[in-house]
Amino acid sequence: MEAGFTVSVEPAGLQFAAPATSTLLQAALSAGVKLPNACRNGTCRTCLCLLRSGAVRYAIEWPGLSAEEKVEGFILPCVAMPVADLVIDAPGASQV
């Protein structure tokens, strides 16, 4: 069985399951949760959100985040994969 994590999306109060092998965006869309997105490859930054708790790894070597943004806790769900349960702050999120 594949390891999975729970992602809580604030301020919408939504929640979805995310497998360790899927990006947060893919898992959200599969669960009927719409996160803002456009390019889906870490460059446009449309999906930029704040990681409140948990940890992610990236599907690409260097996502389109500045070093300062990484320190502040910003992530790009289109290329981020969970390694723990997460709470993210994604103001544009909604139920599909």
PDB file of N, CA and C in Angstrom:
ATOM      1  N   MET A   1       0.847  -1.197   0.000  1.00  0.00           N
ATOM      2  CA  MET A   1       0.000   0.000   0.000  1.00  0.00           C
ATOM      3  C   MET A   1       0.884   1.249   0.000  1.00  0.00           C
ATOM      4  N   GLU A   2       0.514   2.217  -0.823  1.00  0.00           N
ATOM      5  CA  GLU A   2       1.288   3.444  -0.947  1.00  0.00           C
ATOM      6  C   GLU A   2       1.060   4.354   0.260  1.00  0.00           C
ATOM      7  N   ALA A   3       2.152   4.941   0.749  1.00  0.00           N
ATOM      8  CA  ALA A   3       2.043   5.875   1.873  1.00  0.00           C
ATOM      9  C   ALA A   3       1.293   7.114   1.416  1.00  0.00           C
ATOM     10  N   GLY A   4       0.422   7.595   2.266  1.00  0.00           N
ATOM     11  CA  GLY A   4      -0.337   8.783   1.943  1.00  0.00           C
ATOM     12  C   GLY A   4      -0.398   9.720   3.127  1.00  0.00           C
ATOM     13  N   PHE A   5      -0.702  10.948   2.835  1.00  0.00           N
ATOM     14  CA  PHE A   5      -0.746  11.983   3.861  1.00  0.00           C
ATOM     15  C   PHE A   5      -2.035  12.778   3.732  1.00  0.00           C
ATOM     16  N   THR A   6      -2.382  13.477   4.779  1.00  0.00           N
ATOM     17  CA  THR A   6      -3.558  14.335   4.785  1.00  0.00           C
ATOM     18  C   THR A   6      -3.110  15.776   4.602  1.00  0.00           C
ATOM     19  N   VAL A   7      -3.778  16.471   3.683  1.00  0.00           N
ATOM     20  CA  VAL A   7      -3.495  17.883   3.439  1.00  0.00           C
ATOM     21  C   VAL A   7      -4.726  18.686   3.834  1.00  0.00           C
ATOM     22  N   SER A   8      -4.549  19.619   4.761  1.00  0.00           N
ATOM     23  CA  SER A   8      -5.613  20.535   5.172  1.00  0.00           C
ATOM     24  C   SER A   8      -5.358  21.867   4.488  1.00  0.00           C
ATOM     25  N   VAL A   9      -6.407  22.432   3.881  1.00  0.00           N
ATOM     26  CA  VAL A   9      -6.287  23.667   3.108  1.00  0.00           C
ATOM     27  C   VAL A   9      -7.049  24.766   3.827  1.00  0.00           C
ATOM     28  N   GLU A  10      -6.324  25.792   4.251  1.00  0.00           N
ATOM     29  CA  GLU A  10      -6.913  26.954   4.900  1.00  0.00           C
ATOM     30  C   GLU A  10      -6.882  28.127   3.935  1.00  0.00           C
ATOM     31  N   PRO A  11      -7.720  29.103   4.024  1.00  0.00           N
ATOM     32  CA  PRO A  11      -8.785  29.272   5.001  1.00  0.00           C
ATOM     33  C   PRO A  11     -10.084  28.560   4.615  1.00  0.00           C
ATOM     34  N   ALA A  12     -10.083  27.793   3.509  1.00  0.00           N
ATOM     35  CA  ALA A  12     -11.309  27.155   3.020  1.00  0.00           C
ATOM     36  C   ALA A  12     -11.800  26.015   3.903  1.00  0.00           C
ATOM     37  N   GLY A  13     -10.927  25.474   4.766  1.00  0.00           N
ATOM     38  CA  GLY A  13     -11.333  24.377   5.623  1.00  0.00           C
ATOM     39  C   GLY A  13     -11.499  23.065   4.872  1.00  0.00           C
ATOM     40  N   LEU A  14     -10.821  22.911   3.756  1.00  0.00           N
ATOM     41  CA  LEU A  14     -10.901  21.696   2.949  1.00  0.00           C
ATOM     42  C   LEU A  14      -9.809  20.723   3.366  1.00  0.00           C
ATOM     43  N   GLN A  15      -9.976  19.460   2.972  1.00  0.00           N
ATOM     44  CA  GLN A  15      -8.986  18.437   3.297  1.00  0.00           C
ATOM     45  C   GLN A  15      -8.991  17.383   2.189  1.00  0.00           C
ATOM     46  N   PHE A  16      -7.798  16.850   1.872  1.00  0.00           N
ATOM     47  CA  PHE A  16      -7.705  15.775   0.890  1.00  0.00           C
ATOM     48  C   PHE A  16      -6.514  14.884   1.210  1.00  0.00           C
ATOM     49  N   ALA A  17      -6.569  13.669   0.674  1.00  0.00           N
ATOM     50  CA  ALA A  17      -5.473  12.716   0.835  1.00  0.00           C
ATOM     51  C   ALA A  17      -4.487  12.919  -0.305  1.00  0.00           C
ATOM     52  N   ALA A  18      -3.189  12.831   0.021  1.00  0.00           N
ATOM     53  CA  ALA A  18      -2.149  13.002  -0.986  1.00  0.00           C
ATOM     54  C   ALA A  18      -1.127  11.873  -0.880  1.00  0.00           C
ATOM     55  N   PRO A  19      -1.008  11.046  -1.920  1.00  0.00           N
ATOM     56  CA  PRO A  19       0.012  10.006  -1.910  1.00  0.00           C
ATOM     57  C   PRO A  19       1.407  10.631  -1.962  1.00  0.00           C
ATOM     58  N   ALA A  20       2.387   9.943  -1.426  1.00  0.00           N
ATOM     59  CA  ALA A  20       3.763  10.445  -1.408  1.00  0.00           C
ATOM     60  C   ALA A  20       4.338  10.588  -2.816  1.00  0.00           C
ATOM     61  N   THR A  21       3.766   9.890  -3.784  1.00  0.00           N
ATOM     62  CA  THR A  21       4.282   9.905  -5.156  1.00  0.00           C
ATOM     63  C   THR A  21       3.554  10.874  -6.072  1.00  0.00           C
ATOM     64  N   SER A  22       2.641  11.659  -5.545  1.00  0.00           N
ATOM     65  CA  SER A  22       1.840  12.588  -6.341  1.00  0.00           C
ATOM     66  C   SER A  22       2.129  14.018  -5.907  1.00  0.00           C
ATOM     67  N   THR A  23       2.049  14.959  -6.853  1.00  0.00           N
ATOM     68  CA  THR A  23       2.171  16.356  -6.441  1.00  0.00           C
ATOM     69  C   THR A  23       0.911  16.750  -5.679  1.00  0.00           C
ATOM     70  N   LEU A  24       1.024  17.779  -4.890  1.00  0.00           N
ATOM     71  CA  LEU A  24      -0.134  18.260  -4.135  1.00  0.00           C
ATOM     72  C   LEU A  24      -1.246  18.697  -5.078  1.00  0.00           C
ATOM     73  N   LEU A  25      -0.890  19.316  -6.181  1.00  0.00           N
ATOM     74  CA  LEU A  25      -1.902  19.752  -7.143  1.00  0.00           C
ATOM     75  C   LEU A  25      -2.635  18.552  -7.742  1.00  0.00           C
ATOM     76  N   GLN A  26      -1.912  17.510  -8.166  1.00  0.00           N
ATOM     77  CA  GLN A  26      -2.550  16.323  -8.729  1.00  0.00           C
ATOM     78  C   GLN A  26      -3.489  15.683  -7.708  1.00  0.00           C
ATOM     79  N   ALA A  27      -3.017  15.549  -6.470  1.00  0.00           N
ATOM     80  CA  ALA A  27      -3.830  14.924  -5.417  1.00  0.00           C
ATOM     81  C   ALA A  27      -5.072  15.758  -5.126  1.00  0.00           C
ATOM     82  N   ALA A  28      -4.908  17.076  -5.075  1.00  0.00           N
ATOM     83  CA  ALA A  28      -6.046  17.955  -4.805  1.00  0.00           C
ATOM     84  C   ALA A  28      -7.099  17.816  -5.898  1.00  0.00           C
ATOM     85  N   LEU A  29      -6.690  17.905  -7.143  1.00  0.00           N
ATOM     86  CA  LEU A  29      -7.633  17.816  -8.250  1.00  0.00           C
ATOM     87  C   LEU A  29      -8.333  16.461  -8.267  1.00  0.00           C
ATOM     88  N   SER A  30      -7.599  15.389  -7.973  1.00  0.00           N
ATOM     89  CA  SER A  30      -8.195  14.045  -7.919  1.00  0.00           C
ATOM     90  C   SER A  30      -9.250  13.943  -6.823  1.00  0.00           C
ATOM     91  N   ALA A  31      -9.075  14.744  -5.761  1.00  0.00           N
ATOM     92  CA  ALA A  31     -10.003  14.719  -4.629  1.00  0.00           C
ATOM     93  C   ALA A  31     -11.120  15.757  -4.751  1.00  0.00           C
ATOM     94  N   GLY A  32     -11.154  16.475  -5.862  1.00  0.00           N
ATOM     95  CA  GLY A  32     -12.199  17.471  -6.051  1.00  0.00           C
ATOM     96  C   GLY A  32     -11.929  18.800  -5.374  1.00  0.00           C
ATOM     97  N   VAL A  33     -10.653  19.079  -5.097  1.00  0.00           N
ATOM     98  CA  VAL A  33     -10.262  20.358  -4.507  1.00  0.00           C
ATOM     99  C   VAL A  33      -9.500  21.147  -5.565  1.00  0.00           C
ATOM    100  N   LYS A  34      -9.984  22.348  -5.860  1.00  0.00           N
ATOM    101  CA  LYS A  34      -9.347  23.189  -6.875  1.00  0.00           C
ATOM    102  C   LYS A  34      -8.370  24.147  -6.206  1.00  0.00           C
ATOM    103  N   LEU A  35      -7.101  24.015  -6.567  1.00  0.00           N
ATOM    104  CA  LEU A  35      -6.079  24.966  -6.142  1.00  0.00           C
ATOM    105  C   LEU A  35      -5.736  25.836  -7.345  1.00  0.00           C
ATOM    106  N   PRO A  36      -5.448  27.121  -7.134  1.00  0.00           N
ATOM    107  CA  PRO A  36      -5.047  27.957  -8.261  1.00  0.00           C
ATOM    108  C   PRO A  36      -3.859  27.312  -8.980  1.00  0.00           C
ATOM    109  N   ASN A  37      -3.886  27.278 -10.314  1.00  0.00           N
ATOM    110  CA  ASN A  37      -2.764  26.712 -11.068  1.00  0.00           C
ATOM    111  C   ASN A  37      -2.827  27.188 -12.508  1.00  0.00           C
ATOM    112  N   ALA A  38      -1.683  27.069 -13.186  1.00  0.00           N
ATOM    113  CA  ALA A  38      -1.620  27.407 -14.604  1.00  0.00           C
ATOM    114  C   ALA A  38      -0.600  26.495 -15.299  1.00  0.00           C
ATOM    115  N   CYS A  39       0.693  26.704 -15.082  1.00  0.00           N
ATOM    116  CA  CYS A  39       1.718  25.998 -15.852  1.00  0.00           C
ATOM    117  C   CYS A  39       1.935  24.548 -15.434  1.00  0.00           C
ATOM    118  N   ARG A  40       1.744  24.250 -14.174  1.00  0.00           N
ATOM    119  CA  ARG A  40       1.940  22.911 -13.602  1.00  0.00           C
ATOM    120  C   ARG A  40       3.383  22.415 -13.667  1.00  0.00           C
ATOM    121  N   ASN A  41       4.352  23.334 -13.824  1.00  0.00           N
ATOM    122  CA  ASN A  41       5.749  22.907 -13.839  1.00  0.00           C
ATOM    123  C   ASN A  41       6.663  23.753 -12.962  1.00  0.00           C
ATOM    124  N   GLY A  42       6.094  24.551 -12.065  1.00  0.00           N
ATOM    125  CA  GLY A  42       6.891  25.293 -11.104  1.00  0.00           C
ATOM    126  C   GLY A  42       7.462  26.611 -11.569  1.00  0.00           C
ATOM    127  N   THR A  43       7.000  27.130 -12.705  1.00  0.00           N
ATOM    128  CA  THR A  43       7.579  28.378 -13.192  1.00  0.00           C
ATOM    129  C   THR A  43       6.661  29.592 -13.101  1.00  0.00           C
ATOM    130  N   CYS A  44       5.342  29.415 -13.255  1.00  0.00           N
ATOM    131  CA  CYS A  44       4.457  30.586 -13.309  1.00  0.00           C
ATOM    132  C   CYS A  44       4.102  31.147 -11.934  1.00  0.00           C
ATOM    133  N   ARG A  45       4.182  30.312 -10.885  1.00  0.00           N
ATOM    134  CA  ARG A  45       3.948  30.716  -9.505  1.00  0.00           C
ATOM    135  C   ARG A  45       2.477  30.992  -9.174  1.00  0.00           C
ATOM    136  N   THR A  46       1.563  30.644 -10.059  1.00  0.00           N
ATOM    137  CA  THR A  46       0.142  30.842  -9.809  1.00  0.00           C
ATOM    138  C   THR A  46      -0.315  30.082  -8.569  1.00  0.00           C
ATOM    139  N   CYS A  47       0.268  28.919  -8.323  1.00  0.00           N
ATOM    140  CA  CYS A  47      -0.159  28.064  -7.205  1.00  0.00           C
ATOM    141  C   CYS A  47       0.547  28.383  -5.884  1.00  0.00           C
ATOM    142  N   LEU A  48       1.428  29.359  -5.868  1.00  0.00           N
ATOM    143  CA  LEU A  48       2.199  29.703  -4.669  1.00  0.00           C
ATOM    144  C   LEU A  48       1.310  29.773  -3.428  1.00  0.00           C
ATOM    145  N   CYS A  49       1.697  29.052  -2.394  1.00  0.00           N
ATOM    146  CA  CYS A  49       0.956  29.097  -1.139  1.00  0.00           C
ATOM    147  C   CYS A  49       1.927  28.901   0.023  1.00  0.00           C
ATOM    148  N   LEU A  50       1.432  29.122   1.216  1.00  0.00           N
ATOM    149  CA  LEU A  50       2.261  29.052   2.420  1.00  0.00           C
ATOM    150  C   LEU A  50       2.060  27.712   3.113  1.00  0.00           C
ATOM    151  N   LEU A  51       3.161  27.055   3.432  1.00  0.00           N
ATOM    152  CA  LEU A  51       3.131  25.802   4.173  1.00  0.00           C
ATOM    153  C   LEU A  51       3.117  26.146   5.660  1.00  0.00           C
ATOM    154  N   ARG A  52       1.982  25.884   6.321  1.00  0.00           N
ATOM    155  CA  ARG A  52       1.833  26.188   7.747  1.00  0.00           C
ATOM    156  C   ARG A  52       2.470  25.119   8.627  1.00  0.00           C
ATOM    157  N   SER A  53       2.336  23.850   8.205  1.00  0.00           N
ATOM    158  CA  SER A  53       2.982  22.764   8.939  1.00  0.00           C
ATOM    159  C   SER A  53       3.180  21.578   8.018  1.00  0.00           C
ATOM    160  N   GLY A  54       4.162  20.740   8.354  1.00  0.00           N
ATOM    161  CA  GLY A  54       4.488  19.579   7.557  1.00  0.00           C
ATOM    162  C   GLY A  54       5.735  19.817   6.732  1.00  0.00           C
ATOM    163  N   ALA A  55       5.969  18.945   5.768  1.00  0.00           N
ATOM    164  CA  ALA A  55       7.157  19.044   4.917  1.00  0.00           C
ATOM    165  C   ALA A  55       6.851  18.478   3.544  1.00  0.00           C
ATOM    166  N   VAL A  56       7.539  19.020   2.538  1.00  0.00           N
ATOM    167  CA  VAL A  56       7.392  18.565   1.159  1.00  0.00           C
ATOM    168  C   VAL A  56       8.772  18.324   0.553  1.00  0.00           C
ATOM    169  N   ARG A  57       8.771  17.571  -0.533  1.00  0.00           N
ATOM    170  CA  ARG A  57       9.951  17.451  -1.386  1.00  0.00           C
ATOM    171  C   ARG A  57       9.495  17.874  -2.773  1.00  0.00           C
ATOM    172  N   TYR A  58      10.455  18.166  -3.642  1.00  0.00           N
ATOM    173  CA  TYR A  58      10.090  18.670  -4.960  1.00  0.00           C
ATOM    174  C   TYR A  58      10.356  17.676  -6.073  1.00  0.00           C
ATOM    175  N   ALA A  59       9.459  17.668  -7.062  1.00  0.00           N
ATOM    176  CA  ALA A  59       9.566  16.792  -8.216  1.00  0.00           C
ATOM    177  C   ALA A  59      10.641  17.301  -9.184  1.00  0.00           C
ATOM    178  N   ILE A  60      11.048  18.554  -9.038  1.00  0.00           N
ATOM    179  CA  ILE A  60      12.093  19.131  -9.880  1.00  0.00           C
ATOM    180  C   ILE A  60      13.200  19.642  -8.977  1.00  0.00           C
ATOM    181  N   GLU A  61      14.400  19.817  -9.550  1.00  0.00           N
ATOM    182  CA  GLU A  61      15.561  20.181  -8.736  1.00  0.00           C
ATOM    183  C   GLU A  61      15.418  21.551  -8.066  1.00  0.00           C
ATOM    184  N   TRP A  62      14.981  22.550  -8.790  1.00  0.00           N
ATOM    185  CA  TRP A  62      14.862  23.880  -8.200  1.00  0.00           C
ATOM    186  C   TRP A  62      13.556  24.519  -8.635  1.00  0.00           C
ATOM    187  N   PRO A  63      12.538  24.452  -7.787  1.00  0.00           N
ATOM    188  CA  PRO A  63      11.267  25.086  -8.155  1.00  0.00           C
ATOM    189  C   PRO A  63      11.419  26.602  -8.202  1.00  0.00           C
ATOM    190  N   GLY A  64      10.464  27.271  -8.823  1.00  0.00           N
ATOM    191  CA  GLY A  64      10.517  28.717  -9.008  1.00  0.00           C
ATOM    192  C   GLY A  64      10.273  29.520  -7.748  1.00  0.00           C
ATOM    193  N   LEU A  65      11.059  29.248  -6.718  1.00  0.00           N
ATOM    194  CA  LEU A  65      10.976  29.989  -5.453  1.00  0.00           C
ATOM    195  C   LEU A  65      12.318  30.635  -5.148  1.00  0.00           C
ATOM    196  N   SER A  66      12.284  31.823  -4.586  1.00  0.00           N
ATOM    197  CA  SER A  66      13.530  32.444  -4.135  1.00  0.00           C
ATOM    198  C   SER A  66      13.959  31.789  -2.826  1.00  0.00           C
ATOM    199  N   ALA A  67      15.212  31.951  -2.481  1.00  0.00           N
ATOM    200  CA  ALA A  67      15.718  31.407  -1.216  1.00  0.00           C
ATOM    201  C   ALA A  67      14.931  31.991  -0.044  1.00  0.00           C
ATOM    202  N   GLU A  68      14.565  33.276  -0.126  1.00  0.00           N
ATOM    203  CA  GLU A  68      13.798  33.931   0.935  1.00  0.00           C
ATOM    204  C   GLU A  68      12.405  33.319   1.062  1.00  0.00           C
ATOM    205  N   GLU A  69      11.764  33.058  -0.067  1.00  0.00           N
ATOM    206  CA  GLU A  69      10.433  32.446  -0.038  1.00  0.00           C
ATOM    207  C   GLU A  69      10.478  31.063   0.591  1.00  0.00           C
ATOM    208  N   LYS A  70      11.504  30.292   0.259  1.00  0.00           N
ATOM    209  CA  LYS A  70      11.647  28.962   0.856  1.00  0.00           C
ATOM    210  C   LYS A  70      11.786  29.073   2.374  1.00  0.00           C
ATOM    211  N   VAL A  71      12.612  30.006   2.837  1.00  0.00           N
ATOM    212  CA  VAL A  71      12.808  30.205   4.283  1.00  0.00           C
ATOM    213  C   VAL A  71      11.497  30.624   4.942  1.00  0.00           C
ATOM    214  N   GLU A  72      10.710  31.452   4.260  1.00  0.00           N
ATOM    215  CA  GLU A  72       9.433  31.918   4.804  1.00  0.00           C
ATOM    216  C   GLU A  72       8.361  30.841   4.780  1.00  0.00           C
ATOM    217  N   GLY A  73       8.604  29.722   4.077  1.00  0.00           N
ATOM    218  CA  GLY A  73       7.674  28.610   4.073  1.00  0.00           C
ATOM    219  C   GLY A  73       6.765  28.520   2.862  1.00  0.00           C
ATOM    220  N   PHE A  74       7.055  29.270   1.813  1.00  0.00           N
ATOM    221  CA  PHE A  74       6.227  29.194   0.616  1.00  0.00           C
ATOM    222  C   PHE A  74       6.561  27.932  -0.176  1.00  0.00           C
ATOM    223  N   ILE A  75       5.536  27.359  -0.811  1.00  0.00           N
ATOM    224  CA  ILE A  75       5.710  26.175  -1.650  1.00  0.00           C
ATOM    225  C   ILE A  75       4.941  26.346  -2.945  1.00  0.00           C
ATOM    226  N   LEU A  76       5.258  25.486  -3.913  1.00  0.00           N
ATOM    227  CA  LEU A  76       4.540  25.435  -5.181  1.00  0.00           C
ATOM    228  C   LEU A  76       3.889  24.056  -5.286  1.00  0.00           C
ATOM    229  N   PRO A  77       2.593  23.945  -4.983  1.00  0.00           N
ATOM    230  CA  PRO A  77       1.911  22.655  -4.985  1.00  0.00           C
ATOM    231  C   PRO A  77       1.973  21.889  -6.300  1.00  0.00           C
ATOM    232  N   CYS A  78       2.191  22.561  -7.414  1.00  0.00           N
ATOM    233  CA  CYS A  78       2.227  21.866  -8.702  1.00  0.00           C
ATOM    234  C   CYS A  78       3.438  20.955  -8.831  1.00  0.00           C
ATOM    235  N   VAL A  79       4.489  21.193  -8.051  1.00  0.00           N
ATOM    236  CA  VAL A  79       5.690  20.355  -8.116  1.00  0.00           C
ATOM    237  C   VAL A  79       6.117  19.849  -6.739  1.00  0.00           C
ATOM    238  N   ALA A  80       5.330  20.118  -5.702  1.00  0.00           N
ATOM    239  CA  ALA A  80       5.651  19.682  -4.340  1.00  0.00           C
ATOM    240  C   ALA A  80       4.939  18.369  -4.027  1.00  0.00           C
ATOM    241  N   MET A  81       5.665  17.446  -3.404  1.00  0.00           N
ATOM    242  CA  MET A  81       5.105  16.160  -2.984  1.00  0.00           C
ATOM    243  C   MET A  81       5.209  16.062  -1.468  1.00  0.00           C
ATOM    244  N   PRO A  82       4.180  15.541  -0.814  1.00  0.00           N
ATOM    245  CA  PRO A  82       4.199  15.508   0.653  1.00  0.00           C
ATOM    246  C   PRO A  82       5.152  14.451   1.203  1.00  0.00           C
ATOM    247  N   VAL A  83       5.761  14.764   2.351  1.00  0.00           N
ATOM    248  CA  VAL A  83       6.537  13.777   3.106  1.00  0.00           C
ATOM    249  C   VAL A  83       6.001  13.680   4.529  1.00  0.00           C
ATOM    250  N   ALA A  84       4.918  14.404   4.789  1.00  0.00           N
ATOM    251  CA  ALA A  84       4.243  14.413   6.092  1.00  0.00           C
ATOM    252  C   ALA A  84       2.850  14.982   5.883  1.00  0.00           C
ATOM    253  N   ASP A  85       1.998  14.886   6.907  1.00  0.00           N
ATOM    254  CA  ASP A  85       0.708  15.575   6.854  1.00  0.00           C
ATOM    255  C   ASP A  85       0.990  17.065   6.751  1.00  0.00           C
ATOM    256  N   LEU A  86       0.127  17.787   6.016  1.00  0.00           N
ATOM    257  CA  LEU A  86       0.359  19.204   5.742  1.00  0.00           C
ATOM    258  C   LEU A  86      -0.828  20.068   6.101  1.00  0.00           C
ATOM    259  N   VAL A  87      -0.525  21.313   6.441  1.00  0.00           N
ATOM    260  CA  VAL A  87      -1.525  22.378   6.492  1.00  0.00           C
ATOM    261  C   VAL A  87      -0.967  23.473   5.584  1.00  0.00           C
ATOM    262  N   ILE A  88      -1.743  23.832   4.543  1.00  0.00           N
ATOM    263  CA  ILE A  88      -1.320  24.883   3.631  1.00  0.00           C
ATOM    264  C   ILE A  88      -2.309  26.028   3.650  1.00  0.00           C
ATOM    265  N   ASP A  89      -1.809  27.219   3.414  1.00  0.00           N
ATOM    266  CA  ASP A  89      -2.632  28.416   3.325  1.00  0.00           C
ATOM    267  C   ASP A  89      -2.734  28.759   1.838  1.00  0.00           C
ATOM    268  N   ALA A  90      -3.882  28.421   1.238  1.00  0.00           N
ATOM    269  CA  ALA A  90      -4.123  28.637  -0.190  1.00  0.00           C
ATOM    270  C   ALA A  90      -5.450  29.374  -0.337  1.00  0.00           C
ATOM    271  N   PRO A  91      -5.435  30.721  -0.255  1.00  0.00           N
ATOM    272  CA  PRO A  91      -6.669  31.501  -0.268  1.00  0.00           C
ATOM    273  C   PRO A  91      -7.582  31.279  -1.475  1.00  0.00           C
ATOM    274  N   GLY A  92      -7.058  30.889  -2.602  1.00  0.00           N
ATOM    275  CA  GLY A  92      -7.877  30.700  -3.801  1.00  0.00           C
ATOM    276  C   GLY A  92      -8.466  29.304  -3.939  1.00  0.00           C
ATOM    277  N   ALA A  93      -8.292  28.439  -2.953  1.00  0.00           N
ATOM    278  CA  ALA A  93      -8.761  27.062  -3.040  1.00  0.00           C
ATOM    279  C   ALA A  93     -10.269  26.987  -2.899  1.00  0.00           C
ATOM    280  N   SER A  94     -10.865  25.981  -3.586  1.00  0.00           N
ATOM    281  CA  SER A  94     -12.299  25.768  -3.492  1.00  0.00           C
ATOM    282  C   SER A  94     -12.632  24.308  -3.785  1.00  0.00           C
ATOM    283  N   GLN A  95     -13.840  23.922  -3.436  1.00  0.00           N
ATOM    284  CA  GLN A  95     -14.327  22.583  -3.770  1.00  0.00           C
ATOM    285  C   GLN A  95     -14.798  22.612  -5.210  1.00  0.00           C
ATOM    286  N   VAL A  96     -14.464  21.595  -5.987  1.00  0.00           N
ATOM    287  CA  VAL A  96     -14.870  21.544  -7.395  1.00  0.00           C
ATOM    288  C   VAL A  96     -16.340  21.177  -7.473  1.00  0.00           C
TER     289      VAL A  96
END
